[in-house]
Amino acid sequence: MDEVLYRLPDATAWHRLTGKAIGLDGLGDLRGRSGFAFAPFHADAKAPLVLLDVATHEVMNVEPAATAKPHHIVEQESRQDYRRAFGRMQARMASAGLRKVVLARRADITLDEPLDAHGVFAKACAMYPHQMVALVSTTLSGTWLMATPEVLIENLGETWTTMALAGTMATPGPWSEKNTREQRIVADYIHDCLKRGCRLVSQQPPRTVTAARLFHLRTDFEFALRDGVDIVDVLTDLFPTPAVCGMPKREAMEAILDDEALDRRYYSGFCGPWNMPMPTSQASSVQDAATALYVSLRCMEMRGKSLSLYAGGGLLDESEEATEWEETEKKMQTMKALL
């Protein structure tokens, strides 16, 4: 039986879903369906778009007990691989005229004994109360844990919300021009997407938010759908945003697939309840909206004693390799701290 555990940000309840995972051909196949969606960055035969057809749905009104114990870890060195990928991306940016491209990396880790997936989910819920924490384990995707701060789309009754989240600092302070410009690229893209299929689009000024031990710039959007427009149309237009891909989107996607030398799989995709009926006692809570998709950031893929951690950062013309590497290291600490 396939299983999902998830806890929405600042929620007092967590959810356990069981059912059968179904592989879908594309985002358009979400139309008219319901369940828990788990999408890869770029779908293929090895990483399909997955929808859990929910058979049982339990809501637990207390935090799960954090039982995960510390592990001894051995990490495979990947510094040279990242340096070479950074060089390829810089060359690609110059030749293809990219304004921004996101470069991701993977850290492969071996543990002294297999990881207790439920225990580490509980620990993540305790350590990261303001993030969406999800443990997805299906025959189609494998087992993944996420603790992500970034909403892709969320239903708020008659309206919807999304956000632009970009720029990263380890300590509070003035934002650099590079971080400010990176965030503006994402916000402008989202605004343009929403204007095409939505009405009553409102955009808040950017503000500083925290996620685990890092600071980010965030711009919130609210919108309503125009007559005849399905939320699937908006989702297809938005995803992937420049926060995980780049601009222009098509050229950035080509650069990532050609030059990143990494199979992201479900990292920088999205996950969350999709058009999913909630138990009656939860139905009126905005925190337990029927649709709440989050970008799959701060990811860990689990395979017994073997783990893969994923992180990425946005590259602009002025980006420096050492600085970008350090940013990915700090982002990976979200998952490493659970070990």
Protein backbone atom coordinates (compact mmCIF):
# COMPACT_ATOMS: atom_id res chain seq x y z
CA MET A 1 0.00 0.00 0.00
CA ASP A 2 1.40 3.43 -0.97
CA GLU A 3 1.52 6.03 1.81
CA VAL A 4 1.84 9.77 2.36
CA LEU A 5 2.30 11.64 5.63
CA TYR A 6 2.09 15.43 5.55
CA ARG A 7 1.79 18.43 7.86
CA LEU A 8 0.96 21.89 6.49
CA PRO A 9 2.79 24.98 7.82
CA ASP A 10 1.78 26.10 11.32
CA ALA A 11 -0.87 23.37 11.47
CA THR A 12 -1.64 21.50 14.68
CA ALA A 13 -2.71 18.36 12.79
CA TRP A 14 -0.92 16.00 10.44
CA HIS A 15 -2.37 13.63 7.88
CA ARG A 16 -1.79 10.00 6.96
CA LEU A 17 -3.01 8.89 3.55
CA THR A 18 -2.92 5.40 2.08
CA GLY A 19 -4.02 4.23 -1.34
CA LYS A 20 -2.70 3.39 -4.79
CA ALA A 21 -0.25 5.58 -6.69
CA ILE A 22 -1.27 6.28 -10.29
CA GLY A 23 1.15 7.49 -12.93
CA LEU A 24 -0.19 10.36 -15.05
CA ASP A 25 1.02 11.43 -18.49
CA GLY A 26 1.09 15.17 -17.73
CA LEU A 27 -0.29 18.03 -15.69
CA GLY A 28 -3.41 18.07 -17.85
CA ASP A 29 -4.33 14.65 -16.47
CA LEU A 30 -4.89 16.25 -13.06
CA ARG A 31 -8.05 17.84 -14.41
CA GLY A 32 -11.11 16.38 -12.73
CA ARG A 33 -9.07 14.16 -10.38
CA SER A 34 -8.36 14.30 -6.66
CA GLY A 35 -5.72 12.87 -4.37
CA PHE A 36 -2.18 13.70 -3.26
CA ALA A 37 -0.02 14.93 -6.14
CA PHE A 38 3.72 14.30 -6.36
CA ALA A 39 5.33 15.78 -9.45
CA PRO A 40 8.94 15.64 -10.65
CA PHE A 41 10.86 18.61 -12.02
CA HIS A 42 10.79 17.01 -15.47
CA ALA A 43 8.63 13.94 -15.92
CA ASP A 44 10.01 10.85 -17.64
CA ALA A 45 9.69 7.07 -17.39
CA LYS A 46 11.91 6.94 -14.29
CA ALA A 47 10.14 9.81 -12.51
CA PRO A 48 6.47 10.06 -13.55
CA LEU A 49 3.87 12.48 -12.29
CA VAL A 50 2.23 10.57 -9.42
CA LEU A 51 -1.24 10.97 -7.94
CA LEU A 52 -2.15 8.97 -4.83
CA ASP A 53 -5.73 7.74 -5.15
CA VAL A 54 -6.64 7.99 -1.46
CA ALA A 55 -8.31 4.99 0.15
CA THR A 56 -7.89 6.02 3.81
CA HIS A 57 -7.36 9.47 5.31
CA GLU A 58 -6.51 9.87 8.98
CA VAL A 59 -6.04 13.23 10.70
CA MET A 60 -3.90 13.29 13.84
CA ASN A 61 -4.44 16.33 16.04
CA VAL A 62 -1.11 16.15 17.85
CA GLU A 63 2.44 16.37 16.56
CA PRO A 64 3.99 12.95 15.88
CA ALA A 65 6.56 11.93 18.47
CA ALA A 66 10.09 12.73 17.29
CA THR A 67 11.80 9.36 17.61
CA ALA A 68 14.57 9.53 14.99
CA LYS A 69 18.01 8.91 16.49
CA PRO A 70 21.33 10.37 15.31
CA HIS A 71 23.27 8.53 12.60
CA HIS A 72 26.89 8.32 11.58
CA ILE A 73 27.03 9.54 7.97
CA VAL A 74 29.56 9.24 5.14
CA GLU A 75 29.10 11.76 2.34
CA GLN A 76 30.41 11.27 -1.17
CA GLU A 77 32.49 14.25 -2.35
CA SER A 78 30.84 16.21 -5.19
CA ARG A 79 32.73 19.52 -5.17
CA GLN A 80 34.51 19.02 -8.49
CA ASP A 81 31.31 17.90 -10.23
CA TYR A 82 29.59 21.09 -9.10
CA ARG A 83 32.50 23.26 -10.22
CA ARG A 84 32.38 21.76 -13.71
CA ALA A 85 28.59 22.12 -13.91
CA PHE A 86 28.86 25.75 -12.81
CA GLY A 87 31.31 26.43 -15.64
CA ARG A 88 29.01 24.80 -18.19
CA MET A 89 26.05 26.85 -16.95
CA GLN A 90 27.98 30.11 -17.13
CA ALA A 91 28.94 29.35 -20.72
CA ARG A 92 25.33 28.42 -21.52
CA MET A 93 24.02 31.65 -19.98
CA ALA A 94 26.31 33.68 -22.23
CA SER A 95 25.52 31.73 -25.42
CA ALA A 96 21.76 31.37 -24.87
CA GLY A 97 21.10 34.81 -23.37
CA LEU A 98 19.73 33.46 -20.09
CA ARG A 99 18.80 36.02 -17.47
CA LYS A 100 18.78 33.34 -14.78
CA VAL A 101 19.26 29.59 -14.51
CA VAL A 102 19.01 27.38 -11.42
CA LEU A 103 21.88 24.96 -10.84
CA ALA A 104 21.13 22.02 -8.54
CA ARG A 105 23.39 19.44 -6.94
CA ARG A 106 23.00 16.15 -5.09
CA ALA A 107 24.83 14.87 -2.02
CA ASP A 108 24.92 11.07 -1.73
CA ILE A 109 25.13 9.85 1.87
CA THR A 110 25.60 6.41 3.42
CA LEU A 111 24.31 5.75 6.93
CA ASP A 112 25.42 3.23 9.52
CA GLU A 113 21.92 1.66 9.48
CA PRO A 114 18.66 2.15 7.54
CA LEU A 115 16.75 5.36 8.22
CA ASP A 116 13.41 5.19 10.05
CA ALA A 117 11.24 7.16 7.63
CA HIS A 118 8.35 7.76 10.05
CA GLY A 119 10.75 8.80 12.79
CA VAL A 120 12.55 11.33 10.61
CA PHE A 121 9.19 12.73 9.42
CA ALA A 122 8.23 13.28 13.06
CA LYS A 123 11.57 14.95 13.75
CA ALA A 124 11.10 17.26 10.76
CA CYS A 125 7.63 18.25 12.01
CA ALA A 126 9.13 19.15 15.40
CA MET A 127 12.13 21.04 13.98
CA TYR A 128 10.33 22.90 11.17
CA PRO A 129 6.86 23.93 12.39
CA HIS A 130 6.50 26.72 9.79
CA GLN A 131 7.19 24.55 6.73
CA MET A 132 5.20 21.99 4.79
CA VAL A 133 6.63 18.61 5.77
CA ALA A 134 5.78 15.60 3.60
CA LEU A 135 6.88 11.98 3.49
CA VAL A 136 5.89 10.33 0.21
CA SER A 137 6.47 6.60 -0.26
CA THR A 138 5.09 4.96 -3.40
CA THR A 139 6.09 2.16 -5.73
CA LEU A 140 6.33 4.70 -8.59
CA SER A 141 8.44 7.38 -6.89
CA GLY A 142 10.35 5.70 -4.10
CA THR A 143 10.52 7.36 -0.67
CA TRP A 144 11.09 11.12 -0.30
CA LEU A 145 11.01 13.59 2.59
CA MET A 146 10.53 17.34 2.09
CA ALA A 147 10.43 20.34 4.41
CA THR A 148 9.52 23.19 2.10
CA PRO A 149 8.48 26.82 2.63
CA GLU A 150 7.31 27.59 -0.94
CA VAL A 151 3.64 27.56 -1.99
CA LEU A 152 3.05 26.84 -5.67
CA ILE A 153 -0.74 27.17 -5.55
CA GLU A 154 -3.16 27.00 -2.63
CA ASN A 155 -6.93 27.29 -2.51
CA LEU A 156 -8.37 29.90 -0.12
CA GLY A 157 -12.06 29.38 -0.77
CA GLU A 158 -13.11 31.69 -3.60
CA THR A 159 -9.55 32.82 -4.26
CA TRP A 160 -6.11 31.27 -4.73
CA THR A 161 -2.63 32.18 -3.61
CA THR A 162 0.91 31.66 -4.79
CA MET A 163 4.30 33.20 -4.00
CA ALA A 164 7.64 34.20 -5.43
CA LEU A 165 10.39 32.94 -3.13
CA ALA A 166 13.97 33.65 -4.15
CA GLY A 167 17.18 35.08 -2.77
CA THR A 168 19.00 33.45 0.13
CA MET A 169 21.01 34.76 3.09
CA ALA A 170 22.33 32.95 6.14
CA THR A 171 22.18 36.05 8.36
CA PRO A 172 19.79 39.03 8.39
CA GLY A 173 20.94 42.20 6.71
CA PRO A 174 20.50 44.32 3.59
CA TRP A 175 19.71 42.33 0.46
CA SER A 176 22.33 42.40 -2.30
CA GLU A 177 21.47 43.60 -5.79
CA LYS A 178 21.97 40.03 -7.04
CA ASN A 179 19.39 38.59 -4.59
CA THR A 180 16.95 41.44 -5.22
CA ARG A 181 17.17 41.01 -8.99
CA GLU A 182 16.79 37.24 -8.73
CA GLN A 183 13.62 37.63 -6.69
CA ARG A 184 12.24 40.27 -9.08
CA ILE A 185 12.67 37.89 -12.03
CA VAL A 186 10.52 35.27 -10.27
CA ALA A 187 7.87 37.78 -9.14
CA ASP A 188 7.54 39.36 -12.61
CA TYR A 189 7.17 35.92 -14.21
CA ILE A 190 4.41 34.88 -11.77
CA HIS A 191 2.59 38.19 -12.23
CA ASP A 192 2.64 37.79 -16.03
CA CYS A 193 1.35 34.20 -15.77
CA LEU A 194 -1.51 35.19 -13.50
CA LYS A 195 -2.56 38.10 -15.69
CA ARG A 196 -3.12 35.70 -18.59
CA GLY A 197 -5.71 33.47 -16.94
CA CYS A 198 -6.82 35.17 -13.74
CA ARG A 199 -8.61 38.21 -12.40
CA LEU A 200 -8.41 40.23 -9.19
CA VAL A 201 -4.65 39.64 -9.11
CA SER A 202 -3.06 41.32 -6.08
CA GLN A 203 0.66 41.43 -5.39
CA GLN A 204 2.18 42.32 -2.03
CA PRO A 205 5.56 44.05 -1.65
CA PRO A 206 8.50 41.68 -1.12
CA ARG A 207 9.38 40.87 2.48
CA THR A 208 12.02 38.87 4.32
CA VAL A 209 10.97 35.46 5.67
CA THR A 210 12.84 32.63 7.35
CA ALA A 211 12.90 28.95 6.44
CA ALA A 212 14.79 26.78 8.90
CA ARG A 213 18.03 28.77 9.43
CA LEU A 214 17.95 30.72 6.16
CA PHE A 215 16.41 34.03 5.07
CA HIS A 216 14.57 34.50 1.76
CA LEU A 217 12.72 37.23 -0.11
CA ARG A 218 9.03 36.51 -0.61
CA THR A 219 6.28 38.16 -2.64
CA ASP A 220 2.69 36.95 -2.03
CA PHE A 221 -0.02 36.88 -4.73
CA GLU A 222 -3.77 36.34 -4.53
CA PHE A 223 -5.98 35.77 -7.55
CA ALA A 224 -9.31 34.46 -8.78
CA LEU A 225 -9.91 32.40 -11.91
CA ARG A 226 -11.51 33.94 -14.95
CA ASP A 227 -14.65 32.28 -16.31
CA GLY A 228 -13.75 29.20 -18.31
CA VAL A 229 -10.25 28.91 -16.84
CA ASP A 230 -9.34 25.80 -14.84
CA ILE A 231 -6.71 25.91 -12.11
CA VAL A 232 -4.85 23.21 -14.10
CA ASP A 233 -4.31 25.82 -16.83
CA VAL A 234 -2.74 28.21 -14.31
CA LEU A 235 -0.62 25.44 -12.80
CA THR A 236 0.66 24.41 -16.24
CA ASP A 237 1.58 28.01 -17.03
CA LEU A 238 3.32 28.62 -13.70
CA PHE A 239 5.33 25.40 -13.30
CA PRO A 240 8.24 25.33 -13.15
CA THR A 241 8.76 28.92 -12.02
CA PRO A 242 12.12 30.70 -12.40
CA ALA A 243 12.70 29.97 -8.69
CA VAL A 244 13.64 26.39 -9.68
CA CYS A 245 14.25 26.70 -13.43
CA GLY A 246 15.22 30.07 -14.92
CA MET A 247 14.38 32.68 -17.53
CA PRO A 248 13.54 32.44 -20.35
CA LYS A 249 11.93 29.22 -19.17
CA ARG A 250 12.28 27.05 -22.27
CA GLU A 251 15.97 27.89 -22.75
CA ALA A 252 16.67 27.48 -19.03
CA MET A 253 14.99 24.06 -18.99
CA GLU A 254 17.13 22.98 -21.97
CA ALA A 255 20.28 24.17 -20.18
CA ILE A 256 19.38 22.24 -17.01
CA LEU A 257 18.62 19.02 -18.87
CA ASP A 258 21.75 19.31 -21.02
CA ASP A 259 24.39 20.75 -18.68
CA GLU A 260 23.43 20.16 -15.05
CA ALA A 261 24.56 16.51 -15.30
CA LEU A 262 22.05 15.59 -12.59
CA ASP A 263 18.74 13.76 -12.59
CA ARG A 264 16.70 15.93 -10.22
CA ARG A 265 13.82 13.46 -10.17
CA TYR A 266 11.30 14.86 -7.65
CA TYR A 267 13.50 17.64 -6.31
CA SER A 268 12.09 21.04 -7.41
CA GLY A 269 8.84 19.44 -8.54
CA PHE A 270 5.76 19.85 -6.33
CA CYS A 271 3.65 17.91 -3.86
CA GLY A 272 0.48 18.32 -1.86
CA PRO A 273 -3.24 17.60 -1.62
CA TRP A 274 -4.98 18.15 -4.93
CA ASN A 275 -8.73 18.80 -5.00
CA MET A 276 -8.85 16.40 -2.08
CA PRO A 277 -11.92 16.11 0.17
CA MET A 278 -11.04 16.69 3.80
CA PRO A 279 -12.58 14.97 6.83
CA THR A 280 -15.61 16.97 7.98
CA SER A 281 -13.93 18.34 11.11
CA GLN A 282 -11.11 19.80 8.99
CA ALA A 283 -13.02 21.12 5.99
CA SER A 284 -13.40 24.70 7.23
CA SER A 285 -9.73 25.22 8.00
CA VAL A 286 -7.67 27.26 5.53
CA GLN A 287 -4.62 25.33 6.75
CA ASP A 288 -6.22 22.13 5.47
CA ALA A 289 -7.27 23.45 2.06
CA ALA A 290 -8.43 20.87 -0.47
CA THR A 291 -5.62 22.02 -2.81
CA ALA A 292 -2.27 23.06 -1.38
CA LEU A 293 0.68 22.36 -3.67
CA TYR A 294 4.19 23.17 -2.46
CA VAL A 295 7.43 23.25 -4.43
CA SER A 296 9.49 20.21 -3.37
CA LEU A 297 12.52 21.87 -1.82
CA ARG A 298 14.87 20.71 0.97
CA CYS A 299 14.50 17.14 -0.30
CA MET A 300 15.87 13.81 0.83
CA GLU A 301 15.44 10.60 -1.16
CA MET A 302 15.65 7.49 1.04
CA ARG A 303 16.87 4.05 -0.03
CA GLY A 304 17.58 2.10 3.16
CA LYS A 305 21.10 3.07 4.29
CA SER A 306 21.59 5.25 1.20
CA LEU A 307 20.27 8.81 0.97
CA SER A 308 20.41 11.54 -1.65
CA LEU A 309 20.01 15.18 -0.60
CA TYR A 310 19.21 17.89 -3.17
CA ALA A 311 19.66 21.65 -3.20
CA GLY A 312 20.08 24.39 -5.79
CA GLY A 313 20.58 28.08 -6.30
CA GLY A 314 19.83 30.70 -8.92
CA LEU A 315 22.73 31.81 -11.12
CA LEU A 316 22.92 35.29 -12.61
CA ASP A 317 25.75 36.83 -14.64
CA GLU A 318 27.60 37.98 -11.54
CA SER A 319 27.28 34.71 -9.59
CA GLU A 320 30.46 33.28 -8.06
CA GLU A 321 30.97 29.54 -7.85
CA ALA A 322 32.24 29.44 -4.26
CA THR A 323 29.32 31.55 -3.02
CA GLU A 324 26.74 29.43 -4.83
CA TRP A 325 28.29 26.20 -3.50
CA GLU A 326 28.12 27.56 0.03
CA GLU A 327 24.44 28.39 -0.47
CA THR A 328 23.66 24.79 -1.46
CA GLU A 329 25.59 23.54 1.58
CA LYS A 330 23.48 25.70 3.88
CA LYS A 331 20.25 24.55 2.24
CA MET A 332 21.24 20.91 2.68
CA GLN A 333 21.63 21.46 6.41
CA THR A 334 17.81 21.41 6.65
CA MET A 335 17.88 17.67 5.90
CA LYS A 336 21.30 16.90 7.43
CA ALA A 337 20.11 18.26 10.77
CA LEU A 338 17.53 15.45 10.86
CA LEU A 339 20.27 12.83 10.74
